[in-house]
């Protein structure tokens, strides 16, 4: 056996390395030339030794790659598969999921100190709630937590390139329109608007109350019939491009080392520890060990070993929770309480009205529930309305109900803005809210019986605008063990267990 063939077989036996026949042939040639040169006494060329050393260097590097702990494999990898291990798996690649991923990497102490994987089942984002939303941000909520989330998120967006700029990439342009929100109140709900205004001002939000006369002076195109009071946001309110925010978070997070995978989490492998309470009841505590990620349009899947799972799956987050048995335990126990989040379909209509309100148009929310805002500069507007509970549309598709606009929305639009009596619907789309049926507020924090599953869901239509601040809060909770900048402990799963809702009265 030649020296080269022996070296080849020894390396394969030790490390399972495949060394090509071309490599063997090359070194056999070199050995033959070397022997011939020595036997004939001819000088050996420097180039020969240089080439030989380069071949040995390449072989040593290949051997080192095959040592335990290396990612090298003789088999071709499917590059779309997620890594086999991750510290944190985020289920859901919408704006909330990518914001969490960004903040986790922002807080890591050393480069690649936290391995984060974001799994998104819709690679086209064609059905993602983020990009199908109206893109608004407002501080006019009834709960301090939501007001502070909006203020922190608005500050983030004002300085977005200080956070999400990427070297050698174009600056982020959210196309933020700071026209503010304008809420109108009838006599029946004016007292609620006054209470909300007091809460908002106390939290530091810049909001102004307007009488019908003041409202008409500021916006002459409004019909003030039935309006008793109006609330107008003076700063940090308006609308922006949802896709730009999502893509900015995603681009920055990937540049920081976050792993991205387009697939669907279809189940978990977990361990169970059973404990007995003082009353003799048995309680199962579970801990996730692996998340199974199914590749799109394929039977191929990858189990990902992980330490923490973040459920940021939006409208489908309850299905992810059910994979861990959440909600399937005995009735009247914690294990029997489901995650109260479900998809709710909402329609958004694009209308054209050449003589409609001008550049000063705010994001107007009528007391009827109808809303509209300007879209661009060419006389286009978007409008919508949340249906009554008994009129909720089916959620098995994203088809648009055009009769809903004609029967429910247009009459209110035309009443409030007479110019809208002459408008034309040019297009429409539908998207899903991750609707919290318990109290229409976000659920943020860990599940009490699955001690490594965290929730960031149930925002009921305001997840987009709160995503920068929610992402930071989740990163603090996971890496620091508690909230640091904003205390969101009131939004935990505990309130659902104790049946103490935090009702948000300003849901659009």
Protein backbone atom coordinates (compact mmCIF):
# COMPACT_ATOMS: atom_id res chain seq x y z
CA UNK A 1 0.00 0.00 0.00
CA UNK A 2 1.38 3.41 -0.97
CA UNK A 3 2.01 6.12 1.59
CA UNK A 4 -0.76 8.29 0.06
CA UNK A 5 -3.39 5.57 -0.02
CA UNK A 6 -2.59 4.62 3.57
CA UNK A 7 -2.93 8.23 4.69
CA UNK A 8 -6.27 8.49 2.86
CA UNK A 9 -7.73 5.35 4.46
CA UNK A 10 -6.50 6.26 7.93
CA UNK A 11 -8.11 9.71 7.72
CA UNK A 12 -11.40 8.22 6.57
CA UNK A 13 -11.44 5.70 9.38
CA UNK A 14 -10.64 8.34 12.00
CA UNK A 15 -12.98 11.10 10.94
CA UNK A 16 -15.34 9.76 8.27
CA UNK A 17 -13.88 12.17 5.71
CA UNK A 18 -14.47 11.64 2.01
CA UNK A 19 -11.22 12.45 0.15
CA UNK A 20 -11.76 12.63 -3.59
CA UNK A 21 -10.02 10.40 -6.13
CA UNK A 22 -8.68 13.59 -7.66
CA UNK A 23 -6.87 14.29 -4.36
CA UNK A 24 -5.33 10.75 -4.38
CA UNK A 25 -4.34 11.02 -8.01
CA UNK A 26 -2.71 14.41 -7.48
CA UNK A 27 -0.62 13.24 -4.56
CA UNK A 28 0.32 9.97 -6.30
CA UNK A 29 1.66 12.07 -9.17
CA UNK A 30 3.59 14.26 -6.75
CA UNK A 31 5.09 11.21 -5.03
CA UNK A 32 6.16 9.74 -8.36
CA UNK A 33 7.78 13.02 -9.48
CA UNK A 34 9.49 13.37 -6.10
CA UNK A 35 10.92 9.84 -6.28
CA UNK A 36 12.08 10.32 -9.88
CA UNK A 37 13.81 13.60 -9.08
CA UNK A 38 15.63 12.14 -6.07
CA UNK A 39 16.75 8.99 -7.91
CA UNK A 40 18.11 10.95 -10.88
CA UNK A 41 19.73 13.58 -8.71
CA UNK A 42 17.84 16.40 -10.39
CA UNK A 43 17.10 19.42 -8.19
CA UNK A 44 13.58 19.64 -6.81
CA UNK A 45 11.69 22.79 -7.81
CA UNK A 46 10.53 25.22 -5.10
CA UNK A 47 7.12 25.26 -6.77
CA UNK A 48 6.80 21.54 -6.10
CA UNK A 49 7.29 21.95 -2.33
CA UNK A 50 4.96 24.98 -2.30
CA UNK A 51 2.23 22.99 -4.07
CA UNK A 52 2.75 20.04 -1.73
CA UNK A 53 2.44 22.24 1.36
CA UNK A 54 -0.75 23.80 0.02
CA UNK A 55 -2.22 20.33 -0.47
CA UNK A 56 -1.29 19.32 3.07
CA UNK A 57 -2.77 22.58 4.44
CA UNK A 58 -6.06 21.92 2.68
CA UNK A 59 -6.11 18.37 4.02
CA UNK A 60 -5.43 19.52 7.60
CA UNK A 61 -8.22 22.08 7.39
CA UNK A 62 -10.59 19.41 6.11
CA UNK A 63 -9.63 17.08 8.92
CA UNK A 64 -10.10 19.82 11.52
CA UNK A 65 -13.56 20.54 10.16
CA UNK A 66 -14.53 16.93 10.74
CA UNK A 67 -13.65 16.92 14.44
CA UNK A 68 -16.48 16.72 17.00
CA UNK A 69 -18.31 20.03 17.41
CA UNK A 70 -17.86 20.99 13.77
CA UNK A 71 -20.73 21.70 11.38
CA UNK A 72 -18.95 19.89 8.53
CA UNK A 73 -20.69 16.93 6.97
CA UNK A 74 -19.88 14.84 3.88
CA UNK A 75 -23.57 15.02 2.88
CA UNK A 76 -25.20 17.87 1.03
CA UNK A 77 -27.25 20.05 3.39
CA UNK A 78 -30.69 21.42 2.70
CA UNK A 79 -29.95 25.10 3.23
CA UNK A 80 -33.60 25.85 3.97
CA UNK A 81 -33.56 23.67 7.07
CA UNK A 82 -33.21 25.43 10.43
CA UNK A 83 -30.19 24.73 12.64
CA UNK A 84 -30.36 21.64 14.83
CA UNK A 85 -29.91 23.74 17.97
CA UNK A 86 -31.02 27.20 19.05
CA UNK A 87 -31.18 28.94 22.39
CA UNK A 88 -34.48 30.64 21.53
CA UNK A 89 -37.02 29.65 18.88
CA UNK A 90 -39.50 32.39 17.94
CA UNK A 91 -42.65 30.97 16.36
CA UNK A 92 -43.94 33.66 14.00
CA UNK A 93 -41.98 35.93 11.70
CA UNK A 94 -44.30 38.91 11.79
CA UNK A 95 -43.22 42.29 13.09
CA UNK A 96 -43.57 41.23 16.75
CA UNK A 97 -41.43 38.13 16.24
CA UNK A 98 -38.69 39.98 14.39
CA UNK A 99 -38.72 42.81 16.93
CA UNK A 100 -38.14 40.27 19.71
CA UNK A 101 -35.32 38.69 17.70
CA UNK A 102 -33.67 42.08 17.18
CA UNK A 103 -33.83 43.05 20.85
CA UNK A 104 -32.51 39.66 21.97
CA UNK A 105 -29.43 40.15 19.81
CA UNK A 106 -29.16 43.78 20.88
CA UNK A 107 -28.96 42.67 24.51
CA UNK A 108 -26.53 39.76 24.11
CA UNK A 109 -23.26 40.35 25.92
CA UNK A 110 -20.98 38.82 23.27
CA UNK A 111 -21.36 38.28 19.54
CA UNK A 112 -23.37 35.10 18.86
CA UNK A 113 -23.86 34.66 22.59
CA UNK A 114 -27.56 33.94 22.01
CA UNK A 115 -28.57 31.75 19.08
CA UNK A 116 -32.02 32.92 17.92
CA UNK A 117 -34.18 31.25 15.27
CA UNK A 118 -37.29 32.85 13.75
CA UNK A 119 -39.73 30.43 12.08
CA UNK A 120 -42.33 31.84 9.67
CA UNK A 121 -44.75 29.61 7.78
CA UNK A 122 -45.64 32.14 5.05
CA UNK A 123 -42.51 32.92 2.98
CA UNK A 124 -44.41 35.39 0.81
CA UNK A 125 -46.03 37.20 3.77
CA UNK A 126 -49.15 37.36 1.59
CA UNK A 127 -51.38 36.47 4.56
CA UNK A 128 -49.34 38.10 7.31
CA UNK A 129 -51.35 40.34 9.62
CA UNK A 130 -48.50 42.86 9.72
CA UNK A 131 -48.55 43.81 6.05
CA UNK A 132 -52.35 43.64 5.78
CA UNK A 133 -52.98 46.19 8.51
CA UNK A 134 -53.89 49.87 8.23
CA UNK A 135 -50.47 50.85 9.59
CA UNK A 136 -51.61 53.27 12.29
CA UNK A 137 -49.97 54.26 15.57
CA UNK A 138 -51.73 56.16 18.35
CA UNK A 139 -51.40 56.97 22.03
CA UNK A 140 -55.13 57.33 22.55
CA UNK A 141 -55.81 54.19 24.54
CA UNK A 142 -57.62 53.72 27.82
CA UNK A 143 -54.94 51.67 29.62
CA UNK A 144 -51.60 53.12 30.76
CA UNK A 145 -49.73 50.02 29.53
CA UNK A 146 -50.93 50.56 25.97
CA UNK A 147 -50.24 54.29 26.10
CA UNK A 148 -46.65 53.72 27.29
CA UNK A 149 -46.13 51.02 24.65
CA UNK A 150 -47.22 53.46 21.95
CA UNK A 151 -45.04 56.29 23.25
CA UNK A 152 -41.96 54.06 23.44
CA UNK A 153 -42.64 52.63 19.97
CA UNK A 154 -43.15 56.10 18.47
CA UNK A 155 -39.84 57.23 19.91
CA UNK A 156 -38.18 54.16 18.39
CA UNK A 157 -39.70 54.92 14.98
CA UNK A 158 -38.66 58.58 15.07
CA UNK A 159 -35.06 57.45 15.52
CA UNK A 160 -35.34 54.22 13.59
CA UNK A 161 -32.04 54.52 11.74
CA UNK A 162 -30.19 54.74 15.04
CA UNK A 163 -31.55 51.26 15.77
CA UNK A 164 -32.13 49.41 12.51
CA UNK A 165 -29.64 50.81 10.00
CA UNK A 166 -27.44 48.20 8.33
CA UNK A 167 -23.97 48.93 7.01
CA UNK A 168 -23.89 49.50 3.24
CA UNK A 169 -27.69 49.35 3.04
CA UNK A 170 -30.14 52.15 2.30
CA UNK A 171 -31.54 54.04 5.31
CA UNK A 172 -34.93 52.91 6.63
CA UNK A 173 -37.81 55.09 5.47
CA UNK A 174 -41.08 54.22 7.21
CA UNK A 175 -42.96 56.94 5.29
CA UNK A 176 -44.29 58.07 8.65
CA UNK A 177 -47.19 60.49 8.28
CA UNK A 178 -47.64 62.45 11.52
CA UNK A 179 -51.22 63.58 10.93
CA UNK A 180 -52.50 62.19 14.22
CA UNK A 181 -55.66 60.33 15.23
CA UNK A 182 -59.00 62.08 15.63
CA UNK A 183 -61.62 60.30 17.77
CA UNK A 184 -65.20 61.54 17.73
CA UNK A 185 -67.58 60.96 20.64
CA UNK A 186 -71.35 61.14 20.89
CA UNK A 187 -73.16 62.25 24.03
CA UNK A 188 -73.44 58.60 25.08
CA UNK A 189 -69.66 58.00 25.21
CA UNK A 190 -68.27 61.52 25.79
CA UNK A 191 -67.63 60.78 29.48
CA UNK A 192 -65.46 57.79 28.49
CA UNK A 193 -63.43 60.01 26.17
CA UNK A 194 -62.87 62.47 29.02
CA UNK A 195 -61.69 59.66 31.31
CA UNK A 196 -59.38 58.34 28.62
CA UNK A 197 -58.03 61.82 27.99
CA UNK A 198 -57.15 62.19 31.68
CA UNK A 199 -55.33 58.83 31.64
CA UNK A 200 -53.46 59.72 28.45
CA UNK A 201 -52.33 63.12 29.72
CA UNK A 202 -51.22 61.61 33.03
CA UNK A 203 -49.10 59.09 31.11
CA UNK A 204 -47.42 61.95 29.21
CA UNK A 205 -49.26 61.75 25.90
CA UNK A 206 -49.88 64.98 23.98
CA UNK A 207 -53.62 64.93 23.31
CA UNK A 208 -56.17 67.74 22.94
CA UNK A 209 -59.94 67.78 23.46
CA UNK A 210 -61.99 69.74 20.93
CA UNK A 211 -65.54 71.01 21.11
CA UNK A 212 -67.75 70.66 17.99
CA UNK A 213 -67.07 74.32 17.15
CA UNK A 214 -63.30 73.90 17.48
CA UNK A 215 -63.50 70.69 15.47
CA UNK A 216 -65.30 72.44 12.62
CA UNK A 217 -62.80 75.30 12.60
CA UNK A 218 -59.86 72.93 12.37
CA UNK A 219 -61.40 70.50 9.87
CA UNK A 220 -64.12 72.34 7.87
CA UNK A 221 -64.89 69.25 5.78
CA UNK A 222 -66.31 67.40 8.82
CA UNK A 223 -70.04 67.26 9.52
CA UNK A 224 -70.21 67.65 13.32
CA UNK A 225 -73.79 66.42 13.58
CA UNK A 226 -74.05 64.17 16.66
CA UNK A 227 -70.51 64.94 17.82
CA UNK A 228 -70.27 66.20 21.41
CA UNK A 229 -66.52 65.91 21.91
CA UNK A 230 -63.39 65.08 19.90
CA UNK A 231 -59.94 63.91 20.95
CA UNK A 232 -56.96 64.76 18.74
CA UNK A 233 -53.39 63.44 19.02
CA UNK A 234 -50.86 66.25 18.73
CA UNK A 235 -47.71 64.17 18.30
CA UNK A 236 -46.42 60.60 17.95
CA UNK A 237 -49.55 59.56 16.07
CA UNK A 238 -50.30 58.86 12.46
CA UNK A 239 -49.53 56.01 10.07
CA UNK A 240 -46.58 54.38 8.34
CA UNK A 241 -45.66 51.55 5.96
CA UNK A 242 -46.04 48.23 7.86
CA UNK A 243 -43.90 46.29 5.39
CA UNK A 244 -41.03 48.72 5.80
CA UNK A 245 -41.01 48.27 9.58
CA UNK A 246 -41.22 44.49 9.34
CA UNK A 247 -38.46 44.30 6.75
CA UNK A 248 -36.25 46.74 8.70
CA UNK A 249 -36.46 44.57 11.83
CA UNK A 250 -35.87 41.43 9.78
CA UNK A 251 -32.92 42.82 7.82
CA UNK A 252 -31.22 44.15 10.94
CA UNK A 253 -31.80 41.00 12.99
CA UNK A 254 -30.36 38.78 10.26
CA UNK A 255 -27.32 41.06 9.99
CA UNK A 256 -26.82 40.52 13.74
CA UNK A 257 -26.81 36.74 13.36
CA UNK A 258 -30.46 35.71 13.76
CA UNK A 259 -31.36 32.54 11.88
CA UNK A 260 -34.40 32.63 9.59
CA UNK A 261 -36.42 29.62 8.54
CA UNK A 262 -39.52 29.43 6.37
CA UNK A 263 -41.45 26.48 7.76
CA UNK A 264 -44.17 25.60 10.23
CA UNK A 265 -43.80 24.48 13.82
CA UNK A 266 -46.00 21.38 13.95
CA UNK A 267 -45.26 20.10 17.45
CA UNK A 268 -42.93 19.94 20.40
CA UNK A 269 -41.04 17.31 22.31
CA UNK A 270 -41.06 18.00 26.01
CA UNK A 271 -40.44 16.56 29.44
CA UNK A 272 -43.08 16.39 32.18
CA UNK A 273 -42.64 16.65 35.93
CA UNK A 274 -45.69 15.87 38.07
CA UNK A 275 -46.12 17.51 41.45
CA UNK A 276 -48.80 17.03 44.07
CA UNK A 277 -50.39 20.03 45.79
CA UNK A 278 -51.22 20.24 49.48
CA UNK A 279 -54.80 19.38 48.54
CA UNK A 280 -53.64 16.21 46.81
CA UNK A 281 -54.14 17.45 43.25
CA UNK A 282 -51.56 16.47 40.65
CA UNK A 283 -50.10 19.21 38.48
CA UNK A 284 -47.97 18.58 35.38
CA UNK A 285 -45.14 21.01 34.66
CA UNK A 286 -43.74 20.74 31.16
CA UNK A 287 -40.53 21.91 29.56
CA UNK A 288 -39.96 22.04 25.82
CA UNK A 289 -36.84 20.26 24.56
CA UNK A 290 -37.38 20.31 20.80
CA UNK A 291 -39.53 22.23 18.33
CA UNK A 292 -40.41 20.27 15.19
CA UNK A 293 -40.19 22.48 12.10
CA UNK A 294 -41.92 21.21 8.94
CA UNK A 295 -40.61 22.46 5.61
CA UNK A 296 -43.19 24.01 3.23
CA UNK A 297 -44.60 21.67 0.55
CA UNK A 298 -42.44 18.84 1.84
CA UNK A 299 -42.45 15.87 4.21
CA UNK A 300 -39.05 16.94 5.46
CA UNK A 301 -38.84 18.32 8.97
CA UNK A 302 -36.14 19.31 11.43
CA UNK A 303 -36.32 18.92 15.20
CA UNK A 304 -34.66 21.97 16.74
CA UNK A 305 -33.27 21.55 20.23
CA UNK A 306 -33.99 24.72 22.20
CA UNK A 307 -34.06 26.26 25.66
CA UNK A 308 -36.91 28.75 25.15
CA UNK A 309 -39.85 29.08 22.77
CA UNK A 310 -41.56 32.43 22.13
CA UNK A 311 -45.11 32.11 20.83
CA UNK A 312 -45.52 35.14 18.57
CA UNK A 313 -47.69 33.36 16.02
CA UNK A 314 -50.35 36.08 16.01
CA UNK A 315 -53.81 34.92 15.02
CA UNK A 316 -52.64 31.28 15.15
CA UNK A 317 -50.85 31.43 18.49
CA UNK A 318 -53.57 29.41 20.24
CA UNK A 319 -52.82 26.48 17.92
CA UNK A 320 -49.17 26.65 18.93
CA UNK A 321 -50.21 26.67 22.59
CA UNK A 322 -52.45 23.66 22.03
CA UNK A 323 -49.42 21.67 20.84
CA UNK A 324 -48.25 21.83 24.45
CA UNK A 325 -51.61 20.72 25.80
CA UNK A 326 -52.56 24.21 26.97
CA UNK A 327 -56.32 24.31 27.39
CA UNK A 328 -56.80 20.53 27.30
CA UNK A 329 -56.44 19.86 31.01
CA UNK A 330 -59.28 19.24 33.46
CA UNK A 331 -61.92 21.91 33.61
CA UNK A 332 -61.48 24.56 36.31
CA UNK A 333 -57.71 23.97 36.41
CA UNK A 334 -54.85 26.05 35.01
CA UNK A 335 -54.14 23.32 32.47
CA UNK A 336 -57.72 23.60 31.25
CA UNK A 337 -57.49 27.33 30.46
CA UNK A 338 -56.87 27.88 26.74
CA UNK A 339 -54.96 30.78 25.27
CA UNK A 340 -57.91 33.06 24.39
CA UNK A 341 -56.61 34.24 21.01
CA UNK A 342 -58.30 33.59 17.71
CA UNK A 343 -58.24 35.04 14.19
CA UNK A 344 -60.80 37.75 13.40
CA UNK A 345 -61.09 38.88 9.81
CA UNK A 346 -61.11 42.60 9.09
CA UNK A 347 -61.74 44.30 5.75
CA UNK A 348 -59.91 47.38 4.49
CA UNK A 349 -61.28 49.25 1.48
CA UNK A 350 -59.41 51.69 -0.76
CA UNK A 351 -61.65 54.46 -2.07
CA UNK A 352 -61.07 57.32 -4.49
CA UNK A 353 -62.66 60.71 -3.94
CA UNK A 354 -61.10 63.62 -5.88
CA UNK A 355 -62.86 66.26 -3.75
CA UNK A 356 -62.23 64.58 -0.42
CA UNK A 357 -60.31 65.97 2.59
CA UNK A 358 -56.81 67.28 1.88
CA UNK A 359 -53.32 66.89 3.31
CA UNK A 360 -54.41 67.76 6.85
CA UNK A 361 -56.62 64.65 7.03
CA UNK A 362 -56.05 62.78 10.31
CA UNK A 363 -56.73 59.12 11.02
CA UNK A 364 -60.39 59.70 11.85
CA UNK A 365 -62.33 57.25 14.05
CA UNK A 366 -66.05 57.96 14.22
CA UNK A 367 -68.14 56.95 17.22
CA UNK A 368 -70.01 54.59 14.85
CA UNK A 369 -66.81 52.53 14.61
CA UNK A 370 -66.04 53.55 11.02
CA UNK A 371 -62.53 54.85 10.39
CA UNK A 372 -60.66 56.31 7.43
CA UNK A 373 -57.34 57.95 6.61
CA UNK A 374 -55.66 59.44 3.59
CA UNK A 375 -53.60 57.11 1.38
CA UNK A 376 -51.05 59.00 -0.66
CA UNK A 377 -51.65 62.33 -2.39
CA UNK A 378 -54.05 61.48 -5.22
CA UNK A 379 -57.44 61.60 -3.55
CA UNK A 380 -57.24 58.04 -2.23
CA UNK A 381 -58.29 56.90 1.23
CA UNK A 382 -58.56 53.64 3.13
CA UNK A 383 -61.55 52.86 5.30
CA UNK A 384 -62.81 50.09 7.52
CA UNK A 385 -64.88 49.06 10.51
CA UNK A 386 -64.94 46.19 13.00
CA UNK A 387 -68.17 44.21 12.72
CA UNK A 388 -70.49 43.44 15.61
CA UNK A 389 -69.79 40.23 17.49
CA UNK A 390 -72.73 38.43 15.91
CA UNK A 391 -71.62 39.54 12.43
CA UNK A 392 -68.03 38.26 12.55
CA UNK A 393 -67.11 36.84 9.12
CA UNK A 394 -65.66 33.39 8.52
CA UNK A 395 -61.89 33.14 8.90
CA UNK A 396 -61.19 30.22 6.58
CA UNK A 397 -60.21 32.60 3.76
CA UNK A 398 -59.24 36.19 3.01
CA UNK A 399 -62.11 37.01 0.70
CA UNK A 400 -63.57 40.51 0.96
CA UNK A 401 -67.24 41.20 1.60
CA UNK A 402 -67.98 44.23 -0.60
CA UNK A 403 -71.56 44.47 0.63
CA UNK A 404 -70.18 45.20 4.10
CA UNK A 405 -68.78 48.47 2.76
CA UNK A 406 -71.98 49.45 0.98
CA UNK A 407 -74.27 48.63 3.89
CA UNK A 408 -72.21 49.33 6.99
CA UNK A 409 -69.38 51.73 6.15
CA UNK A 410 -70.36 54.05 3.31
CA UNK A 411 -73.49 55.51 5.00
CA UNK A 412 -71.42 56.60 8.02
CA UNK A 413 -68.59 57.91 5.84
CA UNK A 414 -70.94 59.97 3.71
CA UNK A 415 -72.68 61.33 6.81
CA UNK A 416 -69.46 62.37 8.53
CA UNK A 417 -67.72 63.70 5.39
CA UNK A 418 -70.28 64.90 2.82
CA UNK A 419 -67.66 64.79 0.04
CA UNK A 420 -67.64 61.00 0.42
CA UNK A 421 -71.14 60.79 -1.02
CA UNK A 422 -69.30 60.61 -4.34
CA UNK A 423 -66.57 58.02 -4.02
CA UNK A 424 -65.50 54.85 -5.77
CA UNK A 425 -64.08 51.69 -4.21
CA UNK A 426 -60.94 50.91 -6.21
CA UNK A 427 -59.62 47.91 -4.28
CA UNK A 428 -59.89 46.08 -0.97
CA UNK A 429 -58.17 43.43 1.09
CA UNK A 430 -58.70 41.41 4.25
CA UNK A 431 -56.36 40.56 7.13
CA UNK A 432 -56.53 38.88 10.51
CA UNK A 433 -56.44 40.35 14.00
CA UNK A 434 -54.88 38.18 16.71
CA UNK A 435 -58.01 38.86 18.71
CA UNK A 436 -57.91 38.32 22.47
CA UNK A 437 -61.47 37.27 23.28
CA UNK A 438 -60.83 37.76 27.00
CA UNK A 439 -60.13 41.51 27.09
CA UNK A 440 -58.76 42.62 23.70
CA UNK A 441 -55.29 43.21 25.15
CA UNK A 442 -51.88 41.70 24.55
CA UNK A 443 -50.73 38.62 26.47
CA UNK A 444 -47.07 39.02 27.36
CA UNK A 445 -45.06 36.62 29.51
CA UNK A 446 -44.54 32.98 30.42
CA UNK A 447 -47.14 30.26 30.77
CA UNK A 448 -47.27 29.02 34.38
CA UNK A 449 -47.22 25.31 33.48
CA UNK A 450 -44.83 25.41 30.51
CA UNK A 451 -41.89 27.16 32.06
CA UNK A 452 -40.02 27.87 28.84
CA UNK A 453 -42.87 29.04 26.58
CA UNK A 454 -43.36 32.80 26.44
CA UNK A 455 -46.32 34.57 24.88
CA UNK A 456 -46.31 37.78 22.83
CA UNK A 457 -49.71 37.73 21.23
CA UNK A 458 -53.37 38.73 21.45
CA UNK A 459 -52.85 42.43 20.71
CA UNK A 460 -56.22 42.64 18.92
CA UNK A 461 -55.12 44.98 16.17
CA UNK A 462 -52.43 47.08 17.87
CA UNK A 463 -49.52 44.62 17.70
CA UNK A 464 -47.90 46.44 14.77
CA UNK A 465 -47.71 49.81 16.49
CA UNK A 466 -46.55 48.29 19.79
CA UNK A 467 -44.02 45.89 18.28
CA UNK A 468 -40.82 47.90 18.99
CA UNK A 469 -41.61 48.28 22.69
CA UNK A 470 -43.04 44.75 23.07
CA UNK A 471 -39.90 43.28 21.52
CA UNK A 472 -37.69 45.12 23.99
CA UNK A 473 -39.88 44.08 26.93
CA UNK A 474 -39.79 40.42 25.89
CA UNK A 475 -36.00 40.48 25.54
CA UNK A 476 -35.73 41.93 29.03
CA UNK A 477 -38.06 39.31 30.46
CA UNK A 478 -36.12 36.46 28.83
CA UNK A 479 -32.53 37.63 29.30
CA UNK A 480 -32.80 39.81 32.41
CA UNK A 481 -35.47 37.80 34.19
CA UNK A 482 -37.89 40.72 34.44
CA UNK A 483 -39.15 43.92 32.84
CA UNK A 484 -36.73 46.85 33.04
CA UNK A 485 -37.96 49.76 30.91
CA UNK A 486 -41.74 49.15 30.84
CA UNK A 487 -43.60 47.11 33.44
CA UNK A 488 -45.94 44.85 31.47
CA UNK A 489 -46.55 42.35 34.28
CA UNK A 490 -50.26 43.26 34.23
CA UNK A 491 -50.44 41.77 30.72
CA UNK A 492 -49.34 38.30 31.86
CA UNK A 493 -51.32 35.07 31.56
CA UNK A 494 -52.10 35.36 35.27
CA UNK A 495 -55.03 37.72 34.68
CA UNK A 496 -56.67 35.07 32.53
CA UNK A 497 -56.23 32.49 35.28
CA UNK A 498 -57.72 34.80 37.90
CA UNK A 499 -60.46 36.02 35.53
CA UNK A 500 -59.49 39.67 35.97
CA UNK A 501 -59.74 41.28 32.52
CA UNK A 502 -57.94 44.50 31.59
CA UNK A 503 -60.49 45.85 29.17
CA UNK A 504 -59.24 48.28 26.56
CA UNK A 505 -62.04 50.67 25.64
CA UNK A 506 -60.37 52.19 22.58
CA UNK A 507 -60.33 49.26 20.15
CA UNK A 508 -60.56 50.17 16.47
